[in-house]
């Protein structure tokens, strides 16, 4: 069960420490203004029970030129979902075709 696995991963990892590590890479963060004016096609994929899903959902209201996809899983298990690859291939094929016009 994915919820049980997610609870286990949360129980054995220090969430505050992981967040502190992520904050050490400010180059991975984009100001909201950049997202609002984005001109580059972006695909955002999140697991249906990912703890970050609420943040991804909130981005829908202000991020331009982005496609959102939800696959079954949490932050760690969604990557093994075959739907993930389906979404990536579809996105790349659509944008490859657009670039070759």
PDB file of N, CA and C in Angstrom:
ATOM      1  N   UNK A   1       0.835  -1.179   0.000  1.00  0.00           N
ATOM      2  CA  UNK A   1       0.000   0.000   0.000  1.00  0.00           C
ATOM      3  C   UNK A   1       0.886   1.250   0.000  1.00  0.00           C
ATOM      4  N   UNK A   2       0.628   2.153  -0.930  1.00  0.00           N
ATOM      5  CA  UNK A   2       1.467   3.347  -1.078  1.00  0.00           C
ATOM      6  C   UNK A   2       1.386   4.279   0.123  1.00  0.00           C
ATOM      7  N   UNK A   3       0.215   4.386   0.713  1.00  0.00           N
ATOM      8  CA  UNK A   3       0.090   5.273   1.881  1.00  0.00           C
ATOM      9  C   UNK A   3       0.931   4.759   3.053  1.00  0.00           C
ATOM     10  N   UNK A   4       0.962   3.461   3.220  1.00  0.00           N
ATOM     11  CA  UNK A   4       1.767   2.869   4.281  1.00  0.00           C
ATOM     12  C   UNK A   4       3.248   3.100   4.016  1.00  0.00           C
ATOM     13  N   UNK A   5       3.664   2.891   2.772  1.00  0.00           N
ATOM     14  CA  UNK A   5       5.057   3.118   2.397  1.00  0.00           C
ATOM     15  C   UNK A   5       5.431   4.583   2.608  1.00  0.00           C
ATOM     16  N   UNK A   6       4.558   5.505   2.207  1.00  0.00           N
ATOM     17  CA  UNK A   6       4.817   6.924   2.389  1.00  0.00           C
ATOM     18  C   UNK A   6       4.952   7.263   3.872  1.00  0.00           C
ATOM     19  N   UNK A   7       4.077   6.700   4.697  1.00  0.00           N
ATOM     20  CA  UNK A   7       4.138   6.939   6.139  1.00  0.00           C
ATOM     21  C   UNK A   7       5.443   6.403   6.711  1.00  0.00           C
ATOM     22  N   UNK A   8       5.874   5.246   6.236  1.00  0.00           N
ATOM     23  CA  UNK A   8       7.133   4.663   6.690  1.00  0.00           C
ATOM     24  C   UNK A   8       8.318   5.545   6.301  1.00  0.00           C
ATOM     25  N   UNK A   9       8.350   5.993   5.060  1.00  0.00           N
ATOM     26  CA  UNK A   9       9.446   6.857   4.607  1.00  0.00           C
ATOM     27  C   UNK A   9       9.475   8.172   5.386  1.00  0.00           C
ATOM     28  N   UNK A  10       8.310   8.698   5.692  1.00  0.00           N
ATOM     29  CA  UNK A  10       8.220   9.928   6.471  1.00  0.00           C
ATOM     30  C   UNK A  10       8.695   9.683   7.906  1.00  0.00           C
ATOM     31  N   UNK A  11       8.374   8.511   8.436  1.00  0.00           N
ATOM     32  CA  UNK A  11       8.752   8.193   9.814  1.00  0.00           C
ATOM     33  C   UNK A  11      10.255   8.021   9.976  1.00  0.00           C
ATOM     34  N   UNK A  12      10.931   7.525   8.943  1.00  0.00           N
ATOM     35  CA  UNK A  12      12.361   7.242   9.077  1.00  0.00           C
ATOM     36  C   UNK A  12      13.252   8.330   8.492  1.00  0.00           C
ATOM     37  N   UNK A  13      12.662   9.388   7.957  1.00  0.00           N
ATOM     38  CA  UNK A  13      13.439  10.499   7.422  1.00  0.00           C
ATOM     39  C   UNK A  13      13.106  11.769   8.184  1.00  0.00           C
ATOM     40  N   UNK A  14      14.107  12.576   8.409  1.00  0.00           N
ATOM     41  CA  UNK A  14      13.918  13.852   9.088  1.00  0.00           C
ATOM     42  C   UNK A  14      13.463  14.873   8.049  1.00  0.00           C
ATOM     43  N   UNK A  15      12.170  15.173   8.026  1.00  0.00           N
ATOM     44  CA  UNK A  15      11.598  16.060   7.015  1.00  0.00           C
ATOM     45  C   UNK A  15      12.207  17.460   7.072  1.00  0.00           C
ATOM     46  N   UNK A  16      12.469  17.968   8.265  1.00  0.00           N
ATOM     47  CA  UNK A  16      13.075  19.300   8.398  1.00  0.00           C
ATOM     48  C   UNK A  16      14.503  19.298   7.854  1.00  0.00           C
ATOM     49  N   UNK A  17      15.231  18.227   8.085  1.00  0.00           N
ATOM     50  CA  UNK A  17      16.601  18.132   7.575  1.00  0.00           C
ATOM     51  C   UNK A  17      16.604  18.062   6.047  1.00  0.00           C
ATOM     52  N   UNK A  18      15.661  17.308   5.489  1.00  0.00           N
ATOM     53  CA  UNK A  18      15.561  17.234   4.029  1.00  0.00           C
ATOM     54  C   UNK A  18      15.217  18.591   3.436  1.00  0.00           C
ATOM     55  N   UNK A  19      14.314  19.317   4.088  1.00  0.00           N
ATOM     56  CA  UNK A  19      13.957  20.656   3.620  1.00  0.00           C
ATOM     57  C   UNK A  19      15.154  21.591   3.715  1.00  0.00           C
ATOM     58  N   UNK A  20      15.924  21.489   4.790  1.00  0.00           N
ATOM     59  CA  UNK A  20      17.126  22.326   4.944  1.00  0.00           C
ATOM     60  C   UNK A  20      18.136  22.024   3.844  1.00  0.00           C
ATOM     61  N   UNK A  21      18.283  20.764   3.493  1.00  0.00           N
ATOM     62  CA  UNK A  21      19.193  20.390   2.394  1.00  0.00           C
ATOM     63  C   UNK A  21      18.715  21.008   1.083  1.00  0.00           C
ATOM     64  N   UNK A  22      17.432  20.936   0.838  1.00  0.00           N
ATOM     65  CA  UNK A  22      16.880  21.483  -0.409  1.00  0.00           C
ATOM     66  C   UNK A  22      17.106  22.987  -0.488  1.00  0.00           C
ATOM     67  N   UNK A  23      17.028  23.676   0.650  1.00  0.00           N
ATOM     68  CA  UNK A  23      17.235  25.124   0.655  1.00  0.00           C
ATOM     69  C   UNK A  23      18.679  25.508   0.349  1.00  0.00           C
ATOM     70  N   UNK A  24      19.587  24.557   0.416  1.00  0.00           N
ATOM     71  CA  UNK A  24      20.989  24.832   0.122  1.00  0.00           C
ATOM     72  C   UNK A  24      21.258  24.924  -1.381  1.00  0.00           C
ATOM     73  N   UNK A  25      20.247  24.664  -2.183  1.00  0.00           N
ATOM     74  CA  UNK A  25      20.375  24.732  -3.633  1.00  0.00           C
ATOM     75  C   UNK A  25      19.430  25.792  -4.192  1.00  0.00           C
ATOM     76  N   UNK A  26      19.692  27.067  -3.883  1.00  0.00           N
ATOM     77  CA  UNK A  26      18.771  28.122  -4.330  1.00  0.00           C
ATOM     78  C   UNK A  26      18.668  28.236  -5.847  1.00  0.00           C
ATOM     79  N   UNK A  27      19.659  27.723  -6.566  1.00  0.00           N
ATOM     80  CA  UNK A  27      19.598  27.787  -8.029  1.00  0.00           C
ATOM     81  C   UNK A  27      18.479  26.918  -8.595  1.00  0.00           C
ATOM     82  N   UNK A  28      17.917  26.029  -7.779  1.00  0.00           N
ATOM     83  CA  UNK A  28      16.805  25.199  -8.217  1.00  0.00           C
ATOM     84  C   UNK A  28      15.455  25.870  -7.981  1.00  0.00           C
ATOM     85  N   UNK A  29      15.468  27.004  -7.317  1.00  0.00           N
ATOM     86  CA  UNK A  29      14.225  27.722  -7.018  1.00  0.00           C
ATOM     87  C   UNK A  29      14.024  28.834  -8.041  1.00  0.00           C
ATOM     88  N   UNK A  30      12.792  28.990  -8.483  1.00  0.00           N
ATOM     89  CA  UNK A  30      12.452  30.042  -9.438  1.00  0.00           C
ATOM     90  C   UNK A  30      11.478  31.005  -8.785  1.00  0.00           C
ATOM     91  N   UNK A  31      11.750  32.303  -8.893  1.00  0.00           N
ATOM     92  CA  UNK A  31      10.767  33.257  -8.373  1.00  0.00           C
ATOM     93  C   UNK A  31       9.442  33.104  -9.120  1.00  0.00           C
ATOM     94  N   UNK A  32       8.372  33.447  -8.457  1.00  0.00           N
ATOM     95  CA  UNK A  32       7.046  33.340  -9.061  1.00  0.00           C
ATOM     96  C   UNK A  32       6.975  34.106 -10.381  1.00  0.00           C
ATOM     97  N   UNK A  33       7.637  35.248 -10.461  1.00  0.00           N
ATOM     98  CA  UNK A  33       7.598  36.052 -11.687  1.00  0.00           C
ATOM     99  C   UNK A  33       8.176  35.293 -12.882  1.00  0.00           C
ATOM    100  N   UNK A  34       9.170  34.471 -12.638  1.00  0.00           N
ATOM    101  CA  UNK A  34       9.748  33.655 -13.718  1.00  0.00           C
ATOM    102  C   UNK A  34       8.722  32.634 -14.191  1.00  0.00           C
ATOM    103  N   UNK A  35       8.038  32.009 -13.254  1.00  0.00           N
ATOM    104  CA  UNK A  35       7.027  31.013 -13.613  1.00  0.00           C
ATOM    105  C   UNK A  35       5.848  31.660 -14.332  1.00  0.00           C
ATOM    106  N   UNK A  36       5.486  32.866 -13.920  1.00  0.00           N
ATOM    107  CA  UNK A  36       4.369  33.573 -14.547  1.00  0.00           C
ATOM    108  C   UNK A  36       4.669  33.956 -15.994  1.00  0.00           C
ATOM    109  N   UNK A  37       5.942  34.140 -16.309  1.00  0.00           N
ATOM    110  CA  UNK A  37       6.340  34.575 -17.649  1.00  0.00           C
ATOM    111  C   UNK A  37       7.103  33.514 -18.425  1.00  0.00           C
ATOM    112  N   UNK A  38       7.050  32.293 -17.975  1.00  0.00           N
ATOM    113  CA  UNK A  38       7.796  31.206 -18.605  1.00  0.00           C
ATOM    114  C   UNK A  38       7.440  31.048 -20.082  1.00  0.00           C
ATOM    115  N   UNK A  39       8.458  30.919 -20.933  1.00  0.00           N
ATOM    116  CA  UNK A  39       8.267  30.711 -22.364  1.00  0.00           C
ATOM    117  C   UNK A  39       8.704  29.311 -22.809  1.00  0.00           C
ATOM    118  N   UNK A  40       9.266  28.536 -21.903  1.00  0.00           N
ATOM    119  CA  UNK A  40       9.798  27.208 -22.236  1.00  0.00           C
ATOM    120  C   UNK A  40       8.781  26.143 -21.835  1.00  0.00           C
ATOM    121  N   UNK A  41       8.446  25.213 -22.736  1.00  0.00           N
ATOM    122  CA  UNK A  41       7.515  24.141 -22.370  1.00  0.00           C
ATOM    123  C   UNK A  41       8.054  23.315 -21.192  1.00  0.00           C
ATOM    124  N   UNK A  42       7.203  23.096 -20.220  1.00  0.00           N
ATOM    125  CA  UNK A  42       7.573  22.374 -19.007  1.00  0.00           C
ATOM    126  C   UNK A  42       6.519  21.314 -18.722  1.00  0.00           C
ATOM    127  N   UNK A  43       6.975  20.156 -18.284  1.00  0.00           N
ATOM    128  CA  UNK A  43       6.074  19.098 -17.839  1.00  0.00           C
ATOM    129  C   UNK A  43       6.307  18.899 -16.349  1.00  0.00           C
ATOM    130  N   UNK A  44       5.265  19.017 -15.559  1.00  0.00           N
ATOM    131  CA  UNK A  44       5.345  18.801 -14.118  1.00  0.00           C
ATOM    132  C   UNK A  44       4.524  17.564 -13.788  1.00  0.00           C
ATOM    133  N   UNK A  45       5.199  16.557 -13.252  1.00  0.00           N
ATOM    134  CA  UNK A  45       4.531  15.302 -12.900  1.00  0.00           C
ATOM    135  C   UNK A  45       4.638  15.121 -11.388  1.00  0.00           C
ATOM    136  N   UNK A  46       3.522  14.757 -10.770  1.00  0.00           N
ATOM    137  CA  UNK A  46       3.502  14.571  -9.328  1.00  0.00           C
ATOM    138  C   UNK A  46       2.675  13.328  -9.002  1.00  0.00           C
ATOM    139  N   UNK A  47       3.018  12.681  -7.919  1.00  0.00           N
ATOM    140  CA  UNK A  47       2.249  11.526  -7.463  1.00  0.00           C
ATOM    141  C   UNK A  47       0.944  11.958  -6.817  1.00  0.00           C
ATOM    142  N   UNK A  48      -0.063  11.112  -6.926  1.00  0.00           N
ATOM    143  CA  UNK A  48      -1.379  11.483  -6.384  1.00  0.00           C
ATOM    144  C   UNK A  48      -1.387  11.598  -4.865  1.00  0.00           C
ATOM    145  N   UNK A  49      -0.428  10.955  -4.179  1.00  0.00           N
ATOM    146  CA  UNK A  49      -0.328  11.114  -2.727  1.00  0.00           C
ATOM    147  C   UNK A  49       1.028  11.697  -2.329  1.00  0.00           C
ATOM    148  N   UNK A  50       1.651  12.416  -3.237  1.00  0.00           N
ATOM    149  CA  UNK A  50       2.922  13.092  -2.971  1.00  0.00           C
ATOM    150  C   UNK A  50       2.682  14.239  -1.987  1.00  0.00           C
ATOM    151  N   UNK A  51       3.525  14.377  -0.970  1.00  0.00           N
ATOM    152  CA  UNK A  51       3.347  15.485  -0.037  1.00  0.00           C
ATOM    153  C   UNK A  51       3.477  16.861  -0.706  1.00  0.00           C
ATOM    154  N   UNK A  52       4.098  16.917  -1.883  1.00  0.00           N
ATOM    155  CA  UNK A  52       4.265  18.184  -2.602  1.00  0.00           C
ATOM    156  C   UNK A  52       3.117  18.470  -3.572  1.00  0.00           C
ATOM    157  N   UNK A  53       2.144  17.570  -3.651  1.00  0.00           N
ATOM    158  CA  UNK A  53       1.070  17.728  -4.629  1.00  0.00           C
ATOM    159  C   UNK A  53       0.316  19.048  -4.459  1.00  0.00           C
ATOM    160  N   UNK A  54       0.068  19.461  -3.238  1.00  0.00           N
ATOM    161  CA  UNK A  54      -0.641  20.731  -3.013  1.00  0.00           C
ATOM    162  C   UNK A  54       0.135  21.908  -3.613  1.00  0.00           C
ATOM    163  N   UNK A  55       1.448  21.867  -3.501  1.00  0.00           N
ATOM    164  CA  UNK A  55       2.279  22.942  -4.066  1.00  0.00           C
ATOM    165  C   UNK A  55       2.214  22.923  -5.592  1.00  0.00           C
ATOM    166  N   UNK A  56       2.253  21.741  -6.161  1.00  0.00           N
ATOM    167  CA  UNK A  56       2.152  21.619  -7.617  1.00  0.00           C
ATOM    168  C   UNK A  56       0.783  22.095  -8.086  1.00  0.00           C
ATOM    169  N   UNK A  57      -0.255  21.709  -7.374  1.00  0.00           N
ATOM    170  CA  UNK A  57      -1.609  22.161  -7.724  1.00  0.00           C
ATOM    171  C   UNK A  57      -1.702  23.688  -7.669  1.00  0.00           C
ATOM    172  N   UNK A  58      -1.085  24.302  -6.674  1.00  0.00           N
ATOM    173  CA  UNK A  58      -1.123  25.765  -6.547  1.00  0.00           C
ATOM    174  C   UNK A  58      -0.410  26.440  -7.718  1.00  0.00           C
ATOM    175  N   UNK A  59       0.641  25.813  -8.226  1.00  0.00           N
ATOM    176  CA  UNK A  59       1.398  26.393  -9.345  1.00  0.00           C
ATOM    177  C   UNK A  59       0.551  26.506 -10.608  1.00  0.00           C
ATOM    178  N   UNK A  60      -0.477  25.694 -10.724  1.00  0.00           N
ATOM    179  CA  UNK A  60      -1.321  25.706 -11.925  1.00  0.00           C
ATOM    180  C   UNK A  60      -1.927  27.080 -12.170  1.00  0.00           C
ATOM    181  N   UNK A  61      -2.190  27.822 -11.119  1.00  0.00           N
ATOM    182  CA  UNK A  61      -2.873  29.107 -11.272  1.00  0.00           C
ATOM    183  C   UNK A  61      -1.974  30.221 -11.796  1.00  0.00           C
ATOM    184  N   UNK A  62      -0.656  30.047 -11.720  1.00  0.00           N
ATOM    185  CA  UNK A  62       0.224  31.143 -12.139  1.00  0.00           C
ATOM    186  C   UNK A  62       1.389  30.738 -13.045  1.00  0.00           C
ATOM    187  N   UNK A  63       1.559  29.469 -13.329  1.00  0.00           N
ATOM    188  CA  UNK A  63       2.675  29.047 -14.171  1.00  0.00           C
ATOM    189  C   UNK A  63       2.231  28.964 -15.625  1.00  0.00           C
ATOM    190  N   UNK A  64       2.970  29.617 -16.500  1.00  0.00           N
ATOM    191  CA  UNK A  64       2.650  29.638 -17.931  1.00  0.00           C
ATOM    192  C   UNK A  64       3.439  28.559 -18.665  1.00  0.00           C
ATOM    193  N   UNK A  65       2.842  28.066 -19.740  1.00  0.00           N
ATOM    194  CA  UNK A  65       3.500  27.130 -20.650  1.00  0.00           C
ATOM    195  C   UNK A  65       3.916  25.829 -19.952  1.00  0.00           C
ATOM    196  N   UNK A  66       3.032  25.323 -19.100  1.00  0.00           N
ATOM    197  CA  UNK A  66       3.338  24.108 -18.360  1.00  0.00           C
ATOM    198  C   UNK A  66       2.167  23.137 -18.464  1.00  0.00           C
ATOM    199  N   UNK A  67       2.511  21.867 -18.539  1.00  0.00           N
ATOM    200  CA  UNK A  67       1.517  20.801 -18.514  1.00  0.00           C
ATOM    201  C   UNK A  67       1.689  20.046 -17.204  1.00  0.00           C
ATOM    202  N   UNK A  68       0.582  19.703 -16.573  1.00  0.00           N
ATOM    203  CA  UNK A  68       0.617  18.982 -15.310  1.00  0.00           C
ATOM    204  C   UNK A  68       0.050  17.584 -15.506  1.00  0.00           C
ATOM    205  N   UNK A  69       0.702  16.616 -14.884  1.00  0.00           N
ATOM    206  CA  UNK A  69       0.224  15.234 -14.930  1.00  0.00           C
ATOM    207  C   UNK A  69       0.323  14.641 -13.525  1.00  0.00           C
ATOM    208  N   UNK A  70      -0.642  13.824 -13.185  1.00  0.00           N
ATOM    209  CA  UNK A  70      -0.655  13.147 -11.889  1.00  0.00           C
ATOM    210  C   UNK A  70      -0.616  11.646 -12.143  1.00  0.00           C
ATOM    211  N   UNK A  71       0.305  10.971 -11.469  1.00  0.00           N
ATOM    212  CA  UNK A  71       0.394   9.513 -11.560  1.00  0.00           C
ATOM    213  C   UNK A  71       0.199   8.926 -10.166  1.00  0.00           C
ATOM    214  N   UNK A  72      -0.177   7.672 -10.121  1.00  0.00           N
ATOM    215  CA  UNK A  72      -0.382   7.002  -8.836  1.00  0.00           C
ATOM    216  C   UNK A  72       0.961   6.854  -8.130  1.00  0.00           C
ATOM    217  N   UNK A  73       0.993   7.259  -6.880  1.00  0.00           N
ATOM    218  CA  UNK A  73       2.206   7.097  -6.088  1.00  0.00           C
ATOM    219  C   UNK A  73       2.503   8.318  -5.235  1.00  0.00           C
ATOM    220  N   UNK A  74       3.557   8.197  -4.442  1.00  0.00           N
ATOM    221  CA  UNK A  74       3.991   9.319  -3.623  1.00  0.00           C
ATOM    222  C   UNK A  74       5.289   9.877  -4.220  1.00  0.00           C
ATOM    223  N   UNK A  75       5.987  10.668  -3.444  1.00  0.00           N
ATOM    224  CA  UNK A  75       7.184  11.329  -3.959  1.00  0.00           C
ATOM    225  C   UNK A  75       8.276  10.330  -4.367  1.00  0.00           C
ATOM    226  N   UNK A  76       8.321   9.194  -3.698  1.00  0.00           N
ATOM    227  CA  UNK A  76       9.369   8.211  -3.962  1.00  0.00           C
ATOM    228  C   UNK A  76       8.915   7.100  -4.914  1.00  0.00           C
ATOM    229  N   UNK A  77       7.642   6.758  -4.919  1.00  0.00           N
ATOM    230  CA  UNK A  77       7.192   5.604  -5.699  1.00  0.00           C
ATOM    231  C   UNK A  77       6.613   5.972  -7.064  1.00  0.00           C
ATOM    232  N   UNK A  78       6.231   7.227  -7.261  1.00  0.00           N
ATOM    233  CA  UNK A  78       5.632   7.626  -8.544  1.00  0.00           C
ATOM    234  C   UNK A  78       6.598   7.407  -9.698  1.00  0.00           C
ATOM    235  N   UNK A  79       7.870   7.493  -9.430  1.00  0.00           N
ATOM    236  CA  UNK A  79       8.871   7.342 -10.495  1.00  0.00           C
ATOM    237  C   UNK A  79       8.869   5.933 -11.090  1.00  0.00           C
ATOM    238  N   UNK A  80       8.346   4.967 -10.353  1.00  0.00           N
ATOM    239  CA  UNK A  80       8.287   3.588 -10.873  1.00  0.00           C
ATOM    240  C   UNK A  80       6.986   3.305 -11.609  1.00  0.00           C
ATOM    241  N   UNK A  81       6.090   4.263 -11.618  1.00  0.00           N
ATOM    242  CA  UNK A  81       4.805   4.079 -12.283  1.00  0.00           C
ATOM    243  C   UNK A  81       4.993   4.191 -13.799  1.00  0.00           C
ATOM    244  N   UNK A  82       4.563   3.185 -14.579  1.00  0.00           N
ATOM    245  CA  UNK A  82       4.722   3.227 -16.038  1.00  0.00           C
ATOM    246  C   UNK A  82       4.052   4.444 -16.684  1.00  0.00           C
ATOM    247  N   UNK A  83       3.030   5.012 -16.028  1.00  0.00           N
ATOM    248  CA  UNK A  83       2.374   6.211 -16.561  1.00  0.00           C
ATOM    249  C   UNK A  83       3.349   7.379 -16.671  1.00  0.00           C
ATOM    250  N   UNK A  84       4.339   7.415 -15.791  1.00  0.00           N
ATOM    251  CA  UNK A  84       5.324   8.488 -15.804  1.00  0.00           C
ATOM    252  C   UNK A  84       6.003   8.565 -17.168  1.00  0.00           C
ATOM    253  N   UNK A  85       6.482   7.434 -17.648  1.00  0.00           N
ATOM    254  CA  UNK A  85       7.152   7.392 -18.942  1.00  0.00           C
ATOM    255  C   UNK A  85       6.194   7.739 -20.078  1.00  0.00           C
ATOM    256  N   UNK A  86       4.955   7.316 -19.964  1.00  0.00           N
ATOM    257  CA  UNK A  86       3.941   7.653 -20.971  1.00  0.00           C
ATOM    258  C   UNK A  86       3.783   9.171 -21.082  1.00  0.00           C
ATOM    259  N   UNK A  87       3.673   9.846 -19.942  1.00  0.00           N
ATOM    260  CA  UNK A  87       3.533  11.308 -19.941  1.00  0.00           C
ATOM    261  C   UNK A  87       4.776  11.989 -20.520  1.00  0.00           C
ATOM    262  N   UNK A  88       5.949  11.493 -20.155  1.00  0.00           N
ATOM    263  CA  UNK A  88       7.196  12.092 -20.649  1.00  0.00           C
ATOM    264  C   UNK A  88       7.310  11.931 -22.159  1.00  0.00           C
ATOM    265  N   UNK A  89       7.050  10.728 -22.667  1.00  0.00           N
ATOM    266  CA  UNK A  89       7.135  10.492 -24.116  1.00  0.00           C
ATOM    267  C   UNK A  89       6.143  11.358 -24.878  1.00  0.00           C
ATOM    268  N   UNK A  90       4.923  11.446 -24.381  1.00  0.00           N
ATOM    269  CA  UNK A  90       3.892  12.262 -25.037  1.00  0.00           C
ATOM    270  C   UNK A  90       4.336  13.728 -25.082  1.00  0.00           C
ATOM    271  N   UNK A  91       4.810  14.234 -23.976  1.00  0.00           N
ATOM    272  CA  UNK A  91       5.264  15.620 -23.904  1.00  0.00           C
ATOM    273  C   UNK A  91       6.409  15.876 -24.885  1.00  0.00           C
ATOM    274  N   UNK A  92       7.402  15.005 -24.877  1.00  0.00           N
ATOM    275  CA  UNK A  92       8.553  15.186 -25.775  1.00  0.00           C
ATOM    276  C   UNK A  92       8.145  15.081 -27.236  1.00  0.00           C
ATOM    277  N   UNK A  93       7.270  14.144 -27.551  1.00  0.00           N
ATOM    278  CA  UNK A  93       6.806  14.011 -28.934  1.00  0.00           C
ATOM    279  C   UNK A  93       6.030  15.242 -29.383  1.00  0.00           C
ATOM    280  N   UNK A  94       5.180  15.772 -28.531  1.00  0.00           N
ATOM    281  CA  UNK A  94       4.407  16.967 -28.885  1.00  0.00           C
ATOM    282  C   UNK A  94       5.304  18.174 -29.123  1.00  0.00           C
ATOM    283  N   UNK A  95       6.317  18.314 -28.306  1.00  0.00           N
ATOM    284  CA  UNK A  95       7.173  19.491 -28.419  1.00  0.00           C
ATOM    285  C   UNK A  95       8.271  19.321 -29.464  1.00  0.00           C
ATOM    286  N   UNK A  96       8.634  18.102 -29.739  1.00  0.00           N
ATOM    287  CA  UNK A  96       9.570  17.852 -30.837  1.00  0.00           C
ATOM    288  C   UNK A  96       8.887  18.207 -32.144  1.00  0.00           C
ATOM    289  N   UNK A  97       7.635  17.799 -32.301  1.00  0.00           N
ATOM    290  CA  UNK A  97       6.877  18.095 -33.507  1.00  0.00           C
ATOM    291  C   UNK A  97       6.696  19.601 -33.666  1.00  0.00           C
ATOM    292  N   UNK A  98       6.450  20.305 -32.572  1.00  0.00           N
ATOM    293  CA  UNK A  98       6.269  21.763 -32.627  1.00  0.00           C
ATOM    294  C   UNK A  98       7.559  22.446 -33.044  1.00  0.00           C
ATOM    295  N   UNK A  99       8.702  21.946 -32.621  1.00  0.00           N
ATOM    296  CA  UNK A  99       9.985  22.567 -32.976  1.00  0.00           C
ATOM    297  C   UNK A  99      10.387  22.317 -34.414  1.00  0.00           C
ATOM    298  N   UNK A 100       9.873  21.254 -35.015  1.00  0.00           N
ATOM    299  CA  UNK A 100      10.264  20.896 -36.383  1.00  0.00           C
ATOM    300  C   UNK A 100       9.357  21.511 -37.440  1.00  0.00           C
ATOM    301  N   UNK A 101       8.423  22.358 -37.056  1.00  0.00           N
ATOM    302  CA  UNK A 101       7.518  22.965 -38.047  1.00  0.00           C
ATOM    303  C   UNK A 101       8.212  23.980 -38.885  1.00  0.00           C
TER     304      UNK A 101
END
